[in-house]
Amino acid sequence: MGPSANSNMCPENHAVGEWRDNHAHSNGRYGLRIFHNMVPRRFSCGGINGHRNPSVTANFNGMTSWKNGRNGAIGGGLGDVRFNDFKVADNLLAGVEVETVNIGDDQC
């Protein structure tokens, strides 16, 4: 949308670079929030065909998240997204909350 729109950019399906050793505390709601429909693919704008454009793993490594107003981490509508070595404590609602997951290439 808008003047800077580019149909060659598909952020919902883009692979994640390195994400490692982050800290979050005392935020209003979330230490980490991954918005809906993060389903990384080999070719981010290549559609959802599992044989020609398989999903790739997005690793979120080493998070310490505490005293946030809702969750230490939250995500929804995720593909192969993994939270590795997360430490969460004293968050108001939950440590880690995942709403829906779509890992299978035929389900996306």
PDB file of N, CA and C in Angstrom:
ATOM      1  N   MET A   1       0.839  -1.179   0.000  1.00  0.00           N
ATOM      2  CA  MET A   1       0.000   0.000   0.000  1.00  0.00           C
ATOM      3  C   MET A   1       0.883   1.240   0.000  1.00  0.00           C
ATOM      4  N   GLY A   2       0.424   2.277  -0.624  1.00  0.00           N
ATOM      5  CA  GLY A   2       1.125   3.555  -0.589  1.00  0.00           C
ATOM      6  C   GLY A   2       2.229   3.669  -1.610  1.00  0.00           C
ATOM      7  N   PRO A   3       2.900   4.819  -1.624  1.00  0.00           N
ATOM      8  CA  PRO A   3       3.919   5.089  -2.647  1.00  0.00           C
ATOM      9  C   PRO A   3       5.172   4.233  -2.534  1.00  0.00           C
ATOM     10  N   SER A   4       5.439   3.657  -1.390  1.00  0.00           N
ATOM     11  CA  SER A   4       6.643   2.834  -1.251  1.00  0.00           C
ATOM     12  C   SER A   4       6.342   1.344  -1.378  1.00  0.00           C
ATOM     13  N   ALA A   5       5.134   0.986  -1.798  1.00  0.00           N
ATOM     14  CA  ALA A   5       4.764  -0.424  -1.942  1.00  0.00           C
ATOM     15  C   ALA A   5       5.648  -1.104  -2.981  1.00  0.00           C
ATOM     16  N   ASN A   6       5.971  -2.362  -2.717  1.00  0.00           N
ATOM     17  CA  ASN A   6       6.819  -3.128  -3.613  1.00  0.00           C
ATOM     18  C   ASN A   6       6.325  -4.576  -3.600  1.00  0.00           C
ATOM     19  N   SER A   7       5.788  -5.039  -4.710  1.00  0.00           N
ATOM     20  CA  SER A   7       5.237  -6.392  -4.770  1.00  0.00           C
ATOM     21  C   SER A   7       6.318  -7.474  -4.715  1.00  0.00           C
ATOM     22  N   ASN A   8       7.588  -7.080  -4.756  1.00  0.00           N
ATOM     23  CA  ASN A   8       8.685  -8.044  -4.641  1.00  0.00           C
ATOM     24  C   ASN A   8       9.097  -8.281  -3.182  1.00  0.00           C
ATOM     25  N   MET A   9       8.449  -7.614  -2.246  1.00  0.00           N
ATOM     26  CA  MET A   9       8.725  -7.782  -0.828  1.00  0.00           C
ATOM     27  C   MET A   9       7.523  -8.448  -0.167  1.00  0.00           C
ATOM     28  N   CYS A  10       7.743  -9.574   0.484  1.00  0.00           N
ATOM     29  CA  CYS A  10       6.679 -10.328   1.152  1.00  0.00           C
ATOM     30  C   CYS A  10       7.128 -10.616   2.585  1.00  0.00           C
ATOM     31  N   PRO A  11       6.968  -9.655   3.505  1.00  0.00           N
ATOM     32  CA  PRO A  11       7.533  -9.817   4.846  1.00  0.00           C
ATOM     33  C   PRO A  11       6.968 -10.978   5.650  1.00  0.00           C
ATOM     34  N   GLU A  12       5.722 -11.373   5.426  1.00  0.00           N
ATOM     35  CA  GLU A  12       5.159 -12.481   6.193  1.00  0.00           C
ATOM     36  C   GLU A  12       5.882 -13.793   5.910  1.00  0.00           C
ATOM     37  N   ASN A  13       6.459 -13.921   4.738  1.00  0.00           N
ATOM     38  CA  ASN A  13       7.117 -15.171   4.351  1.00  0.00           C
ATOM     39  C   ASN A  13       8.639 -15.038   4.290  1.00  0.00           C
ATOM     40  N   HIS A  14       9.168 -13.928   4.741  1.00  0.00           N
ATOM     41  CA  HIS A  14      10.607 -13.690   4.665  1.00  0.00           C
ATOM     42  C   HIS A  14      11.333 -14.450   5.765  1.00  0.00           C
ATOM     43  N   ALA A  15      12.491 -15.000   5.444  1.00  0.00           N
ATOM     44  CA  ALA A  15      13.302 -15.714   6.433  1.00  0.00           C
ATOM     45  C   ALA A  15      13.863 -14.721   7.456  1.00  0.00           C
ATOM     46  N   VAL A  16      14.063 -15.198   8.670  1.00  0.00           N
ATOM     47  CA  VAL A  16      14.612 -14.373   9.743  1.00  0.00           C
ATOM     48  C   VAL A  16      16.122 -14.485   9.724  1.00  0.00           C
ATOM     49  N   GLY A  17      16.797 -13.362   9.924  1.00  0.00           N
ATOM     50  CA  GLY A  17      18.253 -13.393  10.068  1.00  0.00           C
ATOM     51  C   GLY A  17      18.612 -13.917  11.453  1.00  0.00           C
ATOM     52  N   GLU A  18      19.715 -13.518  11.986  1.00  0.00           N
ATOM     53  CA  GLU A  18      20.113 -13.981  13.313  1.00  0.00           C
ATOM     54  C   GLU A  18      19.407 -13.181  14.395  1.00  0.00           C
ATOM     55  N   TRP A  19      18.822 -13.876  15.327  1.00  0.00           N
ATOM     56  CA  TRP A  19      18.127 -13.272  16.469  1.00  0.00           C
ATOM     57  C   TRP A  19      18.629 -13.994  17.702  1.00  0.00           C
ATOM     58  N   ARG A  20      19.409 -13.290  18.532  1.00  0.00           N
ATOM     59  CA  ARG A  20      20.096 -13.979  19.622  1.00  0.00           C
ATOM     60  C   ARG A  20      20.293 -13.053  20.821  1.00  0.00           C
ATOM     61  N   ASP A  21      20.111 -13.631  22.015  1.00  0.00           N
ATOM     62  CA  ASP A  21      20.496 -13.018  23.295  1.00  0.00           C
ATOM     63  C   ASP A  21      19.894 -11.629  23.507  1.00  0.00           C
ATOM     64  N   ASN A  22      18.571 -11.574  23.530  1.00  0.00           N
ATOM     65  CA  ASN A  22      17.861 -10.331  23.792  1.00  0.00           C
ATOM     66  C   ASN A  22      17.233 -10.353  25.179  1.00  0.00           C
ATOM     67  N   HIS A  23      17.001  -9.177  25.717  1.00  0.00           N
ATOM     68  CA  HIS A  23      16.376  -9.017  27.032  1.00  0.00           C
ATOM     69  C   HIS A  23      15.208  -8.049  26.898  1.00  0.00           C
ATOM     70  N   ALA A  24      14.144  -8.336  27.646  1.00  0.00           N
ATOM     71  CA  ALA A  24      12.992  -7.434  27.678  1.00  0.00           C
ATOM     72  C   ALA A  24      12.389  -7.482  29.071  1.00  0.00           C
ATOM     73  N   HIS A  25      12.126  -6.311  29.644  1.00  0.00           N
ATOM     74  CA  HIS A  25      11.477  -6.289  30.949  1.00  0.00           C
ATOM     75  C   HIS A  25      10.689  -5.003  31.128  1.00  0.00           C
ATOM     76  N   SER A  26       9.630  -5.119  31.917  1.00  0.00           N
ATOM     77  CA  SER A  26       8.794  -3.983  32.304  1.00  0.00           C
ATOM     78  C   SER A  26       8.140  -3.288  31.118  1.00  0.00           C
ATOM     79  N   ASN A  27       7.829  -4.038  30.055  1.00  0.00           N
ATOM     80  CA  ASN A  27       7.090  -3.473  28.922  1.00  0.00           C
ATOM     81  C   ASN A  27       5.598  -3.464  29.247  1.00  0.00           C
ATOM     82  N   GLY A  28       4.847  -2.603  28.584  1.00  0.00           N
ATOM     83  CA  GLY A  28       3.417  -2.490  28.840  1.00  0.00           C
ATOM     84  C   GLY A  28       2.663  -3.783  28.611  1.00  0.00           C
ATOM     85  N   ARG A  29       2.996  -4.523  27.542  1.00  0.00           N
ATOM     86  CA  ARG A  29       2.313  -5.785  27.265  1.00  0.00           C
ATOM     87  C   ARG A  29       3.273  -6.942  27.054  1.00  0.00           C
ATOM     88  N   TYR A  30       4.108  -6.884  26.016  1.00  0.00           N
ATOM     89  CA  TYR A  30       4.880  -8.051  25.585  1.00  0.00           C
ATOM     90  C   TYR A  30       6.375  -7.764  25.589  1.00  0.00           C
ATOM     91  N   GLY A  31       7.148  -8.777  26.002  1.00  0.00           N
ATOM     92  CA  GLY A  31       8.591  -8.685  25.840  1.00  0.00           C
ATOM     93  C   GLY A  31       8.977  -8.861  24.378  1.00  0.00           C
ATOM     94  N   LEU A  32       8.339  -9.827  23.713  1.00  0.00           N
ATOM     95  CA  LEU A  32       8.518 -10.070  22.276  1.00  0.00           C
ATOM     96  C   LEU A  32       7.153 -10.394  21.703  1.00  0.00           C
ATOM     97  N   ARG A  33       6.764  -9.696  20.636  1.00  0.00           N
ATOM     98  CA  ARG A  33       5.517 -10.028  19.950  1.00  0.00           C
ATOM     99  C   ARG A  33       5.824 -10.273  18.482  1.00  0.00           C
ATOM    100  N   ILE A  34       5.447 -11.469  18.014  1.00  0.00           N
ATOM    101  CA  ILE A  34       5.551 -11.803  16.602  1.00  0.00           C
ATOM    102  C   ILE A  34       4.137 -11.737  16.043  1.00  0.00           C
ATOM    103  N   PHE A  35       3.906 -10.785  15.155  1.00  0.00           N
ATOM    104  CA  PHE A  35       2.570 -10.572  14.625  1.00  0.00           C
ATOM    105  C   PHE A  35       2.123 -11.742  13.755  1.00  0.00           C
ATOM    106  N   HIS A  36       0.849 -11.789  13.489  1.00  0.00           N
ATOM    107  CA  HIS A  36       0.220 -12.906  12.777  1.00  0.00           C
ATOM    108  C   HIS A  36       0.843 -13.165  11.405  1.00  0.00           C
ATOM    109  N   ASN A  37       0.831 -14.435  11.064  1.00  0.00           N
ATOM    110  CA  ASN A  37       1.198 -14.928   9.732  1.00  0.00           C
ATOM    111  C   ASN A  37       2.677 -14.855   9.419  1.00  0.00           C
ATOM    112  N   MET A  38       3.518 -15.137  10.386  1.00  0.00           N
ATOM    113  CA  MET A  38       4.944 -15.272  10.093  1.00  0.00           C
ATOM    114  C   MET A  38       5.179 -16.722   9.695  1.00  0.00           C
ATOM    115  N   VAL A  39       5.228 -16.967   8.391  1.00  0.00           N
ATOM    116  CA  VAL A  39       5.418 -18.311   7.842  1.00  0.00           C
ATOM    117  C   VAL A  39       6.586 -18.236   6.862  1.00  0.00           C
ATOM    118  N   PRO A  40       7.834 -18.294   7.377  1.00  0.00           N
ATOM    119  CA  PRO A  40       8.999 -18.131   6.507  1.00  0.00           C
ATOM    120  C   PRO A  40       9.083 -19.226   5.437  1.00  0.00           C
ATOM    121  N   ARG A  41       9.432 -18.811   4.229  1.00  0.00           N
ATOM    122  CA  ARG A  41       9.577 -19.709   3.076  1.00  0.00           C
ATOM    123  C   ARG A  41      10.942 -19.474   2.428  1.00  0.00           C
ATOM    124  N   ARG A  42      11.383 -20.439   1.654  1.00  0.00           N
ATOM    125  CA  ARG A  42      12.655 -20.298   0.932  1.00  0.00           C
ATOM    126  C   ARG A  42      12.614 -19.071   0.020  1.00  0.00           C
ATOM    127  N   PHE A  43      11.536 -18.904  -0.699  1.00  0.00           N
ATOM    128  CA  PHE A  43      11.343 -17.730  -1.565  1.00  0.00           C
ATOM    129  C   PHE A  43      10.158 -16.959  -1.001  1.00  0.00           C
ATOM    130  N   SER A  44      10.405 -15.810  -0.394  1.00  0.00           N
ATOM    131  CA  SER A  44       9.359 -15.122   0.361  1.00  0.00           C
ATOM    132  C   SER A  44       8.138 -14.757  -0.477  1.00  0.00           C
ATOM    133  N   CYS A  45       8.296 -14.486  -1.750  1.00  0.00           N
ATOM    134  CA  CYS A  45       7.150 -14.128  -2.596  1.00  0.00           C
ATOM    135  C   CYS A  45       6.764 -15.259  -3.544  1.00  0.00           C
ATOM    136  N   GLY A  46       7.189 -16.473  -3.253  1.00  0.00           N
ATOM    137  CA  GLY A  46       6.978 -17.586  -4.171  1.00  0.00           C
ATOM    138  C   GLY A  46       5.726 -18.394  -3.940  1.00  0.00           C
ATOM    139  N   GLY A  47       4.788 -17.903  -3.143  1.00  0.00           N
ATOM    140  CA  GLY A  47       3.574 -18.664  -2.895  1.00  0.00           C
ATOM    141  C   GLY A  47       3.801 -19.716  -1.828  1.00  0.00           C
ATOM    142  N   ILE A  48       2.785 -20.563  -1.611  1.00  0.00           N
ATOM    143  CA  ILE A  48       2.844 -21.509  -0.507  1.00  0.00           C
ATOM    144  C   ILE A  48       3.002 -22.954  -0.952  1.00  0.00           C
ATOM    145  N   ASN A  49       3.351 -23.177  -2.200  1.00  0.00           N
ATOM    146  CA  ASN A  49       3.530 -24.547  -2.676  1.00  0.00           C
ATOM    147  C   ASN A  49       4.704 -25.189  -1.933  1.00  0.00           C
ATOM    148  N   GLY A  50       4.400 -26.221  -1.145  1.00  0.00           N
ATOM    149  CA  GLY A  50       5.410 -26.843  -0.301  1.00  0.00           C
ATOM    150  C   GLY A  50       6.537 -27.513  -1.049  1.00  0.00           C
ATOM    151  N   HIS A  51       6.303 -27.999  -2.268  1.00  0.00           N
ATOM    152  CA  HIS A  51       7.359 -28.686  -3.018  1.00  0.00           C
ATOM    153  C   HIS A  51       8.296 -27.695  -3.682  1.00  0.00           C
ATOM    154  N   ARG A  52       7.770 -26.624  -4.208  1.00  0.00           N
ATOM    155  CA  ARG A  52       8.595 -25.635  -4.909  1.00  0.00           C
ATOM    156  C   ARG A  52       9.067 -24.507  -3.998  1.00  0.00           C
ATOM    157  N   ASN A  53       8.382 -24.328  -2.883  1.00  0.00           N
ATOM    158  CA  ASN A  53       8.736 -23.247  -1.967  1.00  0.00           C
ATOM    159  C   ASN A  53       8.536 -23.712  -0.518  1.00  0.00           C
ATOM    160  N   PRO A  54       9.434 -24.572  -0.042  1.00  0.00           N
ATOM    161  CA  PRO A  54       9.249 -25.129   1.302  1.00  0.00           C
ATOM    162  C   PRO A  54       9.432 -24.088   2.404  1.00  0.00           C
ATOM    163  N   SER A  55       8.855 -24.391   3.557  1.00  0.00           N
ATOM    164  CA  SER A  55       9.049 -23.509   4.705  1.00  0.00           C
ATOM    165  C   SER A  55      10.473 -23.668   5.237  1.00  0.00           C
ATOM    166  N   VAL A  56      10.958 -22.623   5.876  1.00  0.00           N
ATOM    167  CA  VAL A  56      12.271 -22.636   6.514  1.00  0.00           C
ATOM    168  C   VAL A  56      12.078 -22.295   7.993  1.00  0.00           C
ATOM    169  N   THR A  57      13.003 -22.722   8.813  1.00  0.00           N
ATOM    170  CA  THR A  57      12.920 -22.494  10.244  1.00  0.00           C
ATOM    171  C   THR A  57      13.382 -21.096  10.604  1.00  0.00           C
ATOM    172  N   ALA A  58      12.599 -20.419  11.438  1.00  0.00           N
ATOM    173  CA  ALA A  58      12.990 -19.132  12.011  1.00  0.00           C
ATOM    174  C   ALA A  58      13.324 -19.392  13.475  1.00  0.00           C
ATOM    175  N   ASN A  59      14.577 -19.225  13.836  1.00  0.00           N
ATOM    176  CA  ASN A  59      15.024 -19.464  15.206  1.00  0.00           C
ATOM    177  C   ASN A  59      15.168 -18.159  15.967  1.00  0.00           C
ATOM    178  N   PHE A  60      14.481 -18.093  17.087  1.00  0.00           N
ATOM    179  CA  PHE A  60      14.635 -16.993  18.020  1.00  0.00           C
ATOM    180  C   PHE A  60      15.389 -17.581  19.215  1.00  0.00           C
ATOM    181  N   ASN A  61      16.640 -17.177  19.385  1.00  0.00           N
ATOM    182  CA  ASN A  61      17.549 -17.818  20.336  1.00  0.00           C
ATOM    183  C   ASN A  61      17.883 -16.907  21.506  1.00  0.00           C
ATOM    184  N   GLY A  62      17.787 -17.443  22.699  1.00  0.00           N
ATOM    185  CA  GLY A  62      18.318 -16.771  23.883  1.00  0.00           C
ATOM    186  C   GLY A  62      17.585 -15.509  24.281  1.00  0.00           C
ATOM    187  N   MET A  63      16.375 -15.634  24.793  1.00  0.00           N
ATOM    188  CA  MET A  63      15.599 -14.478  25.254  1.00  0.00           C
ATOM    189  C   MET A  63      15.412 -14.571  26.761  1.00  0.00           C
ATOM    190  N   THR A  64      15.611 -13.465  27.447  1.00  0.00           N
ATOM    191  CA  THR A  64      15.265 -13.352  28.855  1.00  0.00           C
ATOM    192  C   THR A  64      14.221 -12.254  28.951  1.00  0.00           C
ATOM    193  N   SER A  65      13.034 -12.604  29.467  1.00  0.00           N
ATOM    194  CA  SER A  65      11.912 -11.670  29.459  1.00  0.00           C
ATOM    195  C   SER A  65      11.182 -11.749  30.804  1.00  0.00           C
ATOM    196  N   TRP A  66      11.076 -10.618  31.512  1.00  0.00           N
ATOM    197  CA  TRP A  66      10.466 -10.647  32.834  1.00  0.00           C
ATOM    198  C   TRP A  66       9.739  -9.337  33.139  1.00  0.00           C
ATOM    199  N   LYS A  67       8.741  -9.462  34.026  1.00  0.00           N
ATOM    200  CA  LYS A  67       7.940  -8.340  34.525  1.00  0.00           C
ATOM    201  C   LYS A  67       7.267  -7.534  33.410  1.00  0.00           C
ATOM    202  N   ASN A  68       6.808  -8.207  32.357  1.00  0.00           N
ATOM    203  CA  ASN A  68       6.058  -7.525  31.308  1.00  0.00           C
ATOM    204  C   ASN A  68       4.575  -7.522  31.674  1.00  0.00           C
ATOM    205  N   GLY A  69       3.829  -6.570  31.140  1.00  0.00           N
ATOM    206  CA  GLY A  69       2.436  -6.382  31.507  1.00  0.00           C
ATOM    207  C   GLY A  69       1.502  -7.489  31.061  1.00  0.00           C
ATOM    208  N   ARG A  70       1.923  -8.335  30.131  1.00  0.00           N
ATOM    209  CA  ARG A  70       1.081  -9.456  29.716  1.00  0.00           C
ATOM    210  C   ARG A  70       1.914 -10.734  29.560  1.00  0.00           C
ATOM    211  N   ASN A  71       2.725 -10.825  28.501  1.00  0.00           N
ATOM    212  CA  ASN A  71       3.468 -12.051  28.199  1.00  0.00           C
ATOM    213  C   ASN A  71       4.954 -11.757  28.031  1.00  0.00           C
ATOM    214  N   GLY A  72       5.756 -12.777  28.327  1.00  0.00           N
ATOM    215  CA  GLY A  72       7.173 -12.686  28.014  1.00  0.00           C
ATOM    216  C   GLY A  72       7.409 -12.726  26.517  1.00  0.00           C
ATOM    217  N   ALA A  73       6.618 -13.553  25.801  1.00  0.00           N
ATOM    218  CA  ALA A  73       6.673 -13.648  24.340  1.00  0.00           C
ATOM    219  C   ALA A  73       5.324 -14.150  23.853  1.00  0.00           C
ATOM    220  N   ILE A  74       4.909 -13.690  22.676  1.00  0.00           N
ATOM    221  CA  ILE A  74       3.631 -14.106  22.091  1.00  0.00           C
ATOM    222  C   ILE A  74       3.765 -14.144  20.574  1.00  0.00           C
ATOM    223  N   GLY A  75       3.058 -15.088  19.956  1.00  0.00           N
ATOM    224  CA  GLY A  75       3.020 -15.171  18.495  1.00  0.00           C
ATOM    225  C   GLY A  75       1.734 -15.835  18.057  1.00  0.00           C
ATOM    226  N   GLY A  76       1.308 -15.548  16.837  1.00  0.00           N
ATOM    227  CA  GLY A  76       0.090 -16.150  16.306  1.00  0.00           C
ATOM    228  C   GLY A  76       0.193 -16.350  14.808  1.00  0.00           C
ATOM    229  N   GLY A  77      -0.411 -17.421  14.322  1.00  0.00           N
ATOM    230  CA  GLY A  77      -0.364 -17.721  12.892  1.00  0.00           C
ATOM    231  C   GLY A  77       1.041 -18.021  12.423  1.00  0.00           C
ATOM    232  N   LEU A  78       1.784 -18.757  13.205  1.00  0.00           N
ATOM    233  CA  LEU A  78       3.199 -18.988  12.928  1.00  0.00           C
ATOM    234  C   LEU A  78       3.426 -20.222  12.076  1.00  0.00           C
ATOM    235  N   GLY A  79       4.472 -20.169  11.268  1.00  0.00           N
ATOM    236  CA  GLY A  79       4.952 -21.335  10.547  1.00  0.00           C
ATOM    237  C   GLY A  79       5.987 -22.034  11.413  1.00  0.00           C
ATOM    238  N   ASP A  80       7.116 -22.413  10.849  1.00  0.00           N
ATOM    239  CA  ASP A  80       8.168 -23.103  11.590  1.00  0.00           C
ATOM    240  C   ASP A  80       9.009 -22.079  12.348  1.00  0.00           C
ATOM    241  N   VAL A  81       8.423 -21.549  13.409  1.00  0.00           N
ATOM    242  CA  VAL A  81       9.063 -20.549  14.268  1.00  0.00           C
ATOM    243  C   VAL A  81       9.379 -21.228  15.587  1.00  0.00           C
ATOM    244  N   ARG A  82      10.627 -21.109  16.030  1.00  0.00           N
ATOM    245  CA  ARG A  82      11.046 -21.798  17.250  1.00  0.00           C
ATOM    246  C   ARG A  82      11.638 -20.825  18.261  1.00  0.00           C
ATOM    247  N   PHE A  83      11.193 -20.964  19.497  1.00  0.00           N
ATOM    248  CA  PHE A  83      11.732 -20.202  20.619  1.00  0.00           C
ATOM    249  C   PHE A  83      12.724 -21.116  21.337  1.00  0.00           C
ATOM    250  N   ASN A  84      14.004 -20.834  21.203  1.00  0.00           N
ATOM    251  CA  ASN A  84      15.059 -21.662  21.789  1.00  0.00           C
ATOM    252  C   ASN A  84      15.711 -20.948  22.966  1.00  0.00           C
ATOM    253  N   ASP A  85      15.860 -21.646  24.072  1.00  0.00           N
ATOM    254  CA  ASP A  85      16.553 -21.133  25.254  1.00  0.00           C
ATOM    255  C   ASP A  85      15.935 -19.831  25.748  1.00  0.00           C
ATOM    256  N   PHE A  86      14.611 -19.820  25.909  1.00  0.00           N
ATOM    257  CA  PHE A  86      13.912 -18.662  26.458  1.00  0.00           C
ATOM    258  C   PHE A  86      13.801 -18.812  27.967  1.00  0.00           C
ATOM    259  N   LYS A  87      14.031 -17.728  28.670  1.00  0.00           N
ATOM    260  CA  LYS A  87      13.825 -17.663  30.109  1.00  0.00           C
ATOM    261  C   LYS A  87      12.800 -16.568  30.348  1.00  0.00           C
ATOM    262  N   VAL A  88      11.647 -16.944  30.908  1.00  0.00           N
ATOM    263  CA  VAL A  88      10.571 -15.979  31.160  1.00  0.00           C
ATOM    264  C   VAL A  88      10.120 -16.129  32.604  1.00  0.00           C
ATOM    265  N   ALA A  89       9.859 -14.997  33.266  1.00  0.00           N
ATOM    266  CA  ALA A  89       9.453 -15.051  34.667  1.00  0.00           C
ATOM    267  C   ALA A  89       8.693 -13.778  35.040  1.00  0.00           C
ATOM    268  N   ASP A  90       7.757 -13.946  35.950  1.00  0.00           N
ATOM    269  CA  ASP A  90       7.043 -12.830  36.573  1.00  0.00           C
ATOM    270  C   ASP A  90       6.348 -11.918  35.560  1.00  0.00           C
ATOM    271  N   ASN A  91       5.848 -12.514  34.461  1.00  0.00           N
ATOM    272  CA  ASN A  91       5.015 -11.766  33.523  1.00  0.00           C
ATOM    273  C   ASN A  91       3.572 -11.906  33.998  1.00  0.00           C
ATOM    274  N   LEU A  92       2.753 -10.903  33.770  1.00  0.00           N
ATOM    275  CA  LEU A  92       1.425 -10.874  34.374  1.00  0.00           C
ATOM    276  C   LEU A  92       0.524 -12.026  33.940  1.00  0.00           C
ATOM    277  N   LEU A  93       0.459 -12.343  32.640  1.00  0.00           N
ATOM    278  CA  LEU A  93      -0.463 -13.374  32.160  1.00  0.00           C
ATOM    279  C   LEU A  93       0.217 -14.724  31.911  1.00  0.00           C
ATOM    280  N   ALA A  94       1.283 -14.723  31.123  1.00  0.00           N
ATOM    281  CA  ALA A  94       1.932 -15.987  30.761  1.00  0.00           C
ATOM    282  C   ALA A  94       3.384 -15.734  30.388  1.00  0.00           C
ATOM    283  N   GLY A  95       4.160 -16.817  30.396  1.00  0.00           N
ATOM    284  CA  GLY A  95       5.543 -16.718  29.935  1.00  0.00           C
ATOM    285  C   GLY A  95       5.600 -16.635  28.425  1.00  0.00           C
ATOM    286  N   VAL A  96       5.129 -17.708  27.751  1.00  0.00           N
ATOM    287  CA  VAL A  96       5.093 -17.760  26.288  1.00  0.00           C
ATOM    288  C   VAL A  96       3.690 -18.181  25.873  1.00  0.00           C
ATOM    289  N   GLU A  97       3.110 -17.442  24.940  1.00  0.00           N
ATOM    290  CA  GLU A  97       1.779 -17.764  24.427  1.00  0.00           C
ATOM    291  C   GLU A  97       1.851 -17.867  22.909  1.00  0.00           C
ATOM    292  N   VAL A  98       1.331 -18.989  22.367  1.00  0.00           N
ATOM    293  CA  VAL A  98       1.263 -19.183  20.922  1.00  0.00           C
ATOM    294  C   VAL A  98      -0.191 -19.448  20.578  1.00  0.00           C
ATOM    295  N   GLU A  99      -0.747 -18.654  19.662  1.00  0.00           N
ATOM    296  CA  GLU A  99      -2.167 -18.758  19.343  1.00  0.00           C
ATOM    297  C   GLU A  99      -2.455 -19.869  18.338  1.00  0.00           C
ATOM    298  N   THR A 100      -1.841 -19.834  17.180  1.00  0.00           N
ATOM    299  CA  THR A 100      -2.031 -20.861  16.161  1.00  0.00           C
ATOM    300  C   THR A 100      -0.704 -21.122  15.468  1.00  0.00           C
ATOM    301  N   VAL A 101      -0.557 -22.361  14.985  1.00  0.00           N
ATOM    302  CA  VAL A 101       0.669 -22.755  14.296  1.00  0.00           C
ATOM    303  C   VAL A 101       0.280 -23.488  13.025  1.00  0.00           C
ATOM    304  N   ASN A 102       0.931 -23.142  11.918  1.00  0.00           N
ATOM    305  CA  ASN A 102       0.733 -23.806  10.627  1.00  0.00           C
ATOM    306  C   ASN A 102       2.075 -24.248  10.097  1.00  0.00           C
ATOM    307  N   ILE A 103       2.533 -25.423  10.515  1.00  0.00           N
ATOM    308  CA  ILE A 103       3.863 -25.886  10.087  1.00  0.00           C
ATOM    309  C   ILE A 103       3.786 -26.628   8.760  1.00  0.00           C
ATOM    310  N   GLY A 104       2.773 -27.446   8.567  1.00  0.00           N
ATOM    311  CA  GLY A 104       2.688 -28.256   7.352  1.00  0.00           C
ATOM    312  C   GLY A 104       2.552 -27.400   6.102  1.00  0.00           C
ATOM    313  N   ASP A 105       3.333 -27.717   5.075  1.00  0.00           N
ATOM    314  CA  ASP A 105       3.295 -26.953   3.837  1.00  0.00           C
ATOM    315  C   ASP A 105       1.932 -27.023   3.159  1.00  0.00           C
ATOM    316  N   ASP A 106       1.189 -28.078   3.406  1.00  0.00           N
ATOM    317  CA  ASP A 106      -0.124 -28.192   2.772  1.00  0.00           C
ATOM    318  C   ASP A 106      -1.213 -27.468   3.569  1.00  0.00           C
ATOM    319  N   GLN A 107      -0.884 -26.948   4.737  1.00  0.00           N
ATOM    320  CA  GLN A 107      -1.882 -26.277   5.562  1.00  0.00           C
ATOM    321  C   GLN A 107      -1.821 -24.760   5.440  1.00  0.00           C
ATOM    322  N   CYS A 108      -0.799 -24.206   4.865  1.00  0.00           N
ATOM    323  CA  CYS A 108      -0.617 -22.760   4.868  1.00  0.00           C
ATOM    324  C   CYS A 108      -1.427 -22.063   3.797  1.00  0.00           C
TER     325      CYS A 108
END
